Amino acid sequence: MPGLLVRAATLDAAINDAIDLLRGVIYAELTEEEDPSLPRVSHMDDLVLQDGEEARLISCSIHLDMGWSD
């Protein structure tokens, strides 16, 4: 997601924080807009990282069926 930056004490904590943040953004986009639209996937080559920063691809499944639960 363009502009997403997560900092945490450990890599696992940063990944979990990013997943929670993205879940909220996706939920808001799909439920609060008349015409929902999600941003395009960033290409790893387009990311500018500072020393010590790391980029990872995170994927998720979105189930739009009625009755789906975690």
N, C-alpha and C. Protein backbone atom coordinates (compact mmCIF):
# COMPACT_ATOMS: atom_id res chain seq x y z
N MET A 1 0.85 -1.17 0.00
CA MET A 1 0.00 0.00 0.00
C MET A 1 0.89 1.23 0.00
N PRO A 2 0.68 2.13 -0.92
CA PRO A 2 1.52 3.32 -0.99
C PRO A 2 1.47 4.12 0.31
N GLY A 3 2.63 4.51 0.80
CA GLY A 3 2.72 5.35 1.97
C GLY A 3 2.63 4.63 3.30
N LEU A 4 2.49 3.33 3.30
CA LEU A 4 2.39 2.58 4.55
C LEU A 4 3.77 2.38 5.14
N LEU A 5 3.94 2.85 6.36
CA LEU A 5 5.20 2.68 7.07
C LEU A 5 4.87 2.21 8.47
N VAL A 6 5.44 1.07 8.85
CA VAL A 6 5.19 0.51 10.17
C VAL A 6 6.53 0.32 10.86
N ARG A 7 6.62 0.79 12.08
CA ARG A 7 7.83 0.60 12.88
C ARG A 7 7.44 -0.14 14.15
N ALA A 8 8.26 -1.11 14.52
CA ALA A 8 8.00 -1.88 15.73
C ALA A 8 9.33 -2.41 16.26
N ALA A 9 9.29 -2.96 17.46
CA ALA A 9 10.51 -3.45 18.10
C ALA A 9 11.09 -4.67 17.38
N THR A 10 10.23 -5.49 16.78
CA THR A 10 10.70 -6.67 16.08
C THR A 10 10.05 -6.74 14.70
N LEU A 11 10.63 -7.53 13.82
CA LEU A 11 10.07 -7.71 12.48
C LEU A 11 8.69 -8.35 12.56
N ASP A 12 8.53 -9.36 13.42
CA ASP A 12 7.22 -10.01 13.57
C ASP A 12 6.16 -9.03 14.04
N ALA A 13 6.51 -8.16 14.98
CA ALA A 13 5.56 -7.16 15.48
C ALA A 13 5.20 -6.18 14.36
N ALA A 14 6.17 -5.79 13.54
CA ALA A 14 5.90 -4.87 12.43
C ALA A 14 4.97 -5.51 11.41
N ILE A 15 5.20 -6.79 11.11
CA ILE A 15 4.33 -7.49 10.16
C ILE A 15 2.91 -7.58 10.71
N ASN A 16 2.77 -7.94 11.98
CA ASN A 16 1.44 -8.04 12.58
C ASN A 16 0.75 -6.67 12.61
N ASP A 17 1.49 -5.61 12.91
CA ASP A 17 0.91 -4.26 12.90
C ASP A 17 0.46 -3.87 11.50
N ALA A 18 1.27 -4.21 10.49
CA ALA A 18 0.92 -3.89 9.10
C ALA A 18 -0.35 -4.63 8.68
N ILE A 19 -0.45 -5.89 9.06
CA ILE A 19 -1.64 -6.68 8.72
C ILE A 19 -2.88 -6.06 9.37
N ASP A 20 -2.79 -5.68 10.64
CA ASP A 20 -3.92 -5.06 11.34
C ASP A 20 -4.32 -3.74 10.67
N LEU A 21 -3.32 -2.94 10.30
CA LEU A 21 -3.59 -1.66 9.65
C LEU A 21 -4.26 -1.87 8.29
N LEU A 22 -3.74 -2.80 7.51
CA LEU A 22 -4.31 -3.07 6.19
C LEU A 22 -5.72 -3.62 6.30
N ARG A 23 -5.97 -4.47 7.28
CA ARG A 23 -7.31 -5.00 7.49
C ARG A 23 -8.29 -3.85 7.71
N GLY A 24 -7.91 -2.87 8.52
CA GLY A 24 -8.77 -1.73 8.77
C GLY A 24 -9.01 -0.89 7.53
N VAL A 25 -7.96 -0.65 6.76
CA VAL A 25 -8.09 0.14 5.53
C VAL A 25 -8.99 -0.57 4.53
N ILE A 26 -8.77 -1.86 4.34
CA ILE A 26 -9.59 -2.62 3.39
C ILE A 26 -11.05 -2.64 3.84
N TYR A 27 -11.28 -2.88 5.12
CA TYR A 27 -12.65 -2.89 5.63
C TYR A 27 -13.33 -1.53 5.39
N ALA A 28 -12.62 -0.45 5.70
CA ALA A 28 -13.19 0.89 5.51
C ALA A 28 -13.49 1.15 4.04
N GLU A 29 -12.59 0.77 3.16
CA GLU A 29 -12.80 1.00 1.73
C GLU A 29 -13.99 0.21 1.21
N LEU A 30 -14.16 -1.01 1.69
CA LEU A 30 -15.22 -1.86 1.17
C LEU A 30 -16.58 -1.59 1.80
N THR A 31 -16.62 -0.94 2.96
CA THR A 31 -17.90 -0.75 3.64
C THR A 31 -18.36 0.70 3.72
N GLU A 32 -17.47 1.67 3.60
CA GLU A 32 -17.86 3.06 3.81
C GLU A 32 -17.98 3.88 2.54
N GLU A 33 -17.70 3.28 1.42
CA GLU A 33 -17.74 4.02 0.17
C GLU A 33 -18.82 3.46 -0.75
N GLU A 34 -19.46 4.33 -1.53
CA GLU A 34 -20.43 3.84 -2.51
C GLU A 34 -19.73 3.08 -3.63
N ASP A 35 -18.57 3.54 -4.02
CA ASP A 35 -17.81 2.90 -5.09
C ASP A 35 -16.43 2.53 -4.53
N PRO A 36 -16.33 1.39 -3.84
CA PRO A 36 -15.06 1.06 -3.19
C PRO A 36 -13.92 0.85 -4.19
N SER A 37 -12.75 1.33 -3.82
CA SER A 37 -11.58 1.12 -4.67
C SER A 37 -10.37 0.97 -3.76
N LEU A 38 -9.57 -0.02 -4.03
CA LEU A 38 -8.36 -0.26 -3.27
C LEU A 38 -7.16 0.20 -4.08
N PRO A 39 -6.11 0.67 -3.43
CA PRO A 39 -4.93 1.11 -4.18
C PRO A 39 -4.26 -0.06 -4.88
N ARG A 40 -3.56 0.24 -5.95
CA ARG A 40 -2.82 -0.80 -6.67
C ARG A 40 -1.65 -1.27 -5.83
N VAL A 41 -1.19 -2.46 -6.13
CA VAL A 41 -0.04 -3.04 -5.43
C VAL A 41 1.21 -2.27 -5.82
N SER A 42 2.04 -1.94 -4.84
CA SER A 42 3.32 -1.28 -5.11
C SER A 42 4.30 -2.29 -5.67
N HIS A 43 5.12 -1.87 -6.61
CA HIS A 43 6.19 -2.72 -7.11
C HIS A 43 7.40 -2.53 -6.21
N MET A 44 8.04 -3.62 -5.83
CA MET A 44 9.18 -3.56 -4.93
C MET A 44 10.28 -2.64 -5.49
N ASP A 45 10.46 -2.63 -6.81
CA ASP A 45 11.50 -1.80 -7.43
C ASP A 45 11.21 -0.31 -7.29
N ASP A 46 9.96 0.06 -7.05
CA ASP A 46 9.58 1.47 -6.93
C ASP A 46 9.76 2.02 -5.52
N LEU A 47 10.00 1.14 -4.54
CA LEU A 47 10.11 1.57 -3.14
C LEU A 47 11.50 2.13 -2.87
N VAL A 48 11.54 3.25 -2.17
CA VAL A 48 12.81 3.85 -1.77
C VAL A 48 12.96 3.58 -0.27
N LEU A 49 13.94 2.76 0.09
CA LEU A 49 14.14 2.38 1.48
C LEU A 49 15.35 3.09 2.06
N GLN A 50 15.23 3.47 3.32
CA GLN A 50 16.36 4.06 4.05
C GLN A 50 17.18 2.92 4.66
N ASP A 51 18.38 3.23 5.11
CA ASP A 51 19.21 2.22 5.76
C ASP A 51 18.46 1.59 6.92
N GLY A 52 18.48 0.28 6.99
CA GLY A 52 17.83 -0.45 8.06
C GLY A 52 16.36 -0.75 7.82
N GLU A 53 15.77 -0.20 6.77
CA GLU A 53 14.37 -0.49 6.46
C GLU A 53 14.28 -1.72 5.57
N GLU A 54 13.16 -2.42 5.67
CA GLU A 54 12.95 -3.64 4.90
C GLU A 54 11.54 -3.62 4.35
N ALA A 55 11.36 -4.09 3.13
CA ALA A 55 10.03 -4.18 2.53
C ALA A 55 9.70 -5.65 2.32
N ARG A 56 8.46 -6.00 2.59
CA ARG A 56 7.97 -7.36 2.37
C ARG A 56 6.60 -7.30 1.72
N LEU A 57 6.31 -8.31 0.94
CA LEU A 57 4.98 -8.43 0.37
C LEU A 57 4.10 -9.17 1.36
N ILE A 58 2.93 -8.62 1.62
CA ILE A 58 1.96 -9.25 2.52
C ILE A 58 0.68 -9.45 1.72
N SER A 59 0.16 -10.66 1.74
CA SER A 59 -1.08 -10.92 1.02
C SER A 59 -2.17 -11.27 2.01
N CYS A 60 -3.40 -11.09 1.58
CA CYS A 60 -4.52 -11.45 2.43
C CYS A 60 -5.66 -11.96 1.54
N SER A 61 -6.52 -12.72 2.14
CA SER A 61 -7.72 -13.21 1.46
C SER A 61 -8.91 -12.43 1.99
N ILE A 62 -9.73 -11.94 1.10
CA ILE A 62 -10.92 -11.21 1.50
C ILE A 62 -12.12 -12.07 1.10
N HIS A 63 -12.89 -12.48 2.09
CA HIS A 63 -14.07 -13.30 1.85
C HIS A 63 -15.29 -12.41 1.93
N LEU A 64 -16.00 -12.33 0.82
CA LEU A 64 -17.16 -11.46 0.76
C LEU A 64 -18.47 -12.23 0.90
N ASP A 65 -18.38 -13.52 1.15
CA ASP A 65 -19.58 -14.34 1.29
C ASP A 65 -20.27 -14.05 2.61
N MET A 66 -21.58 -14.14 2.62
CA MET A 66 -22.35 -13.96 3.85
C MET A 66 -22.03 -15.11 4.79
N GLY A 67 -21.90 -14.80 6.08
CA GLY A 67 -21.69 -15.83 7.07
C GLY A 67 -20.24 -16.18 7.31
N TRP A 68 -19.32 -15.56 6.61
CA TRP A 68 -17.90 -15.86 6.81
C TRP A 68 -17.47 -15.27 8.14
N SER A 69 -16.68 -16.02 8.90
CA SER A 69 -16.12 -15.48 10.14
C SER A 69 -14.68 -15.91 10.26
N ASP A 70 -13.92 -15.22 11.11
CA ASP A 70 -12.49 -15.52 11.28
C ASP A 70 -12.27 -16.90 11.81
